[in-house]
């Protein structure tokens, strides 16, 4: 299993995730984690800039738009990719904040350093 960089925003401006979760790191940054419906690859976004809870769609600081499909909960392969991503990014403190979705306001997140 390897972790790779996502296609450019121009090549892939929109991603629909299934088997997803919302992750918050120790600095308060939040990320989309899940399986891309089109490619079936596990995906972890850049930090979320804006999220519309009613539409279940958000934009990351990179400019990509993510939409959430179905219920929260990641699969085993995505969990393995997440563990590797956490290790590569030296993130030791994090939590699953998917349950906060109805009241989730990403604009309150501190900007990415």
Protein backbone atom coordinates (compact mmCIF):
# COMPACT_ATOMS: atom_id res chain seq x y z
CA UNK A 1 0.00 0.00 0.00
CA UNK A 2 1.35 3.38 -0.96
CA UNK A 3 0.33 6.96 -0.37
CA UNK A 4 0.45 9.21 -3.42
CA UNK A 5 -0.41 12.78 -4.35
CA UNK A 6 -3.89 13.33 -5.78
CA UNK A 7 -4.37 14.46 -9.37
CA UNK A 8 -4.29 18.20 -10.00
CA UNK A 9 -7.37 20.28 -9.22
CA UNK A 10 -7.71 20.97 -12.94
CA UNK A 11 -7.77 17.24 -13.71
CA UNK A 12 -10.06 16.39 -10.78
CA UNK A 13 -11.90 19.40 -9.35
CA UNK A 14 -14.68 17.34 -7.71
CA UNK A 15 -14.58 14.12 -5.64
CA UNK A 16 -17.50 12.18 -4.19
CA UNK A 17 -16.52 10.11 -1.15
CA UNK A 18 -18.22 7.04 0.23
CA UNK A 19 -17.19 5.14 3.36
CA UNK A 20 -15.98 8.45 4.78
CA UNK A 21 -15.08 10.26 7.99
CA UNK A 22 -14.20 13.80 9.04
CA UNK A 23 -10.84 13.94 10.81
CA UNK A 24 -9.65 16.74 13.09
CA UNK A 25 -5.97 17.01 13.93
CA UNK A 26 -4.46 18.40 17.12
CA UNK A 27 -4.25 21.90 15.61
CA UNK A 28 -7.96 21.99 14.82
CA UNK A 29 -7.63 21.42 11.06
CA UNK A 30 -10.26 19.15 9.55
CA UNK A 31 -9.95 16.79 6.59
CA UNK A 32 -12.16 14.57 4.45
CA UNK A 33 -11.16 10.89 4.55
CA UNK A 34 -12.84 8.18 2.45
CA UNK A 35 -13.14 6.22 -0.78
CA UNK A 36 -13.47 8.08 -4.07
CA UNK A 37 -16.59 6.75 -5.80
CA UNK A 38 -15.07 7.12 -9.29
CA UNK A 39 -11.63 5.59 -8.74
CA UNK A 40 -12.38 3.48 -5.62
CA UNK A 41 -9.08 4.76 -4.17
CA UNK A 42 -8.77 5.90 -0.57
CA UNK A 43 -8.41 9.65 -0.27
CA UNK A 44 -7.42 12.17 2.40
CA UNK A 45 -8.02 15.79 1.48
CA UNK A 46 -6.09 18.91 2.27
CA UNK A 47 -7.59 20.91 5.15
CA UNK A 48 -11.24 21.89 4.77
CA UNK A 49 -11.87 25.57 4.14
CA UNK A 50 -15.68 25.58 3.88
CA UNK A 51 -18.39 22.99 4.42
CA UNK A 52 -22.12 23.11 3.65
CA UNK A 53 -23.69 20.58 6.02
CA UNK A 54 -27.06 20.68 4.24
CA UNK A 55 -25.51 19.75 0.88
CA UNK A 56 -22.81 17.56 2.50
CA UNK A 57 -20.25 19.23 0.29
CA UNK A 58 -17.10 21.18 1.10
CA UNK A 59 -14.11 22.93 -0.41
CA UNK A 60 -10.57 22.39 0.79
CA UNK A 61 -7.75 24.91 0.96
CA UNK A 62 -6.41 23.36 -2.26
CA UNK A 63 -9.68 24.31 -3.99
CA UNK A 64 -11.01 20.80 -4.57
CA UNK A 65 -14.68 20.17 -3.84
CA UNK A 66 -15.63 17.03 -1.90
CA UNK A 67 -19.13 15.60 -1.51
CA UNK A 68 -20.07 12.95 1.05
CA UNK A 69 -22.21 10.01 -0.02
CA UNK A 70 -23.93 7.59 2.33
CA UNK A 71 -23.15 7.13 5.99
CA UNK A 72 -19.96 7.86 7.89
CA UNK A 73 -17.48 5.07 8.53
CA UNK A 74 -14.26 4.13 6.74
CA UNK A 75 -13.27 0.68 5.49
CA UNK A 76 -10.14 -1.30 6.38
CA UNK A 77 -8.12 -0.18 3.33
CA UNK A 78 -8.87 3.48 4.00
CA UNK A 79 -7.93 2.95 7.64
CA UNK A 80 -4.53 1.61 6.53
CA UNK A 81 -4.00 4.58 4.19
CA UNK A 82 -5.03 6.95 6.99
CA UNK A 83 -2.56 5.39 9.43
CA UNK A 84 0.25 5.80 6.89
CA UNK A 85 -0.81 9.41 6.12
CA UNK A 86 -0.83 10.24 9.84
CA UNK A 87 2.66 8.78 10.18
CA UNK A 88 4.03 10.65 7.14
CA UNK A 89 2.54 13.92 8.36
CA UNK A 90 3.65 13.33 11.96
CA UNK A 91 0.12 13.69 13.28
CA UNK A 92 -0.19 11.94 16.63
CA UNK A 93 -3.20 13.75 18.02
CA UNK A 94 -6.42 13.43 16.03
CA UNK A 95 -10.07 12.45 16.36
CA UNK A 96 -13.03 11.42 14.23
CA UNK A 97 -15.53 14.32 14.23
CA UNK A 98 -17.99 12.81 11.75
CA UNK A 99 -20.75 12.82 14.39
CA UNK A 100 -20.57 16.61 14.38
CA UNK A 101 -21.68 16.77 10.73
CA UNK A 102 -25.09 18.42 11.27
CA UNK A 103 -23.46 21.39 13.00
CA UNK A 104 -20.11 21.29 11.24
CA UNK A 105 -18.79 24.73 10.29
CA UNK A 106 -15.37 24.45 8.67
CA UNK A 107 -14.81 28.19 8.38
CA UNK A 108 -14.08 28.25 12.13
CA UNK A 109 -10.96 26.15 11.56
CA UNK A 110 -7.67 28.00 11.93
CA UNK A 111 -5.89 28.56 8.60
CA UNK A 112 -3.29 26.01 7.56
CA UNK A 113 0.25 27.11 8.42
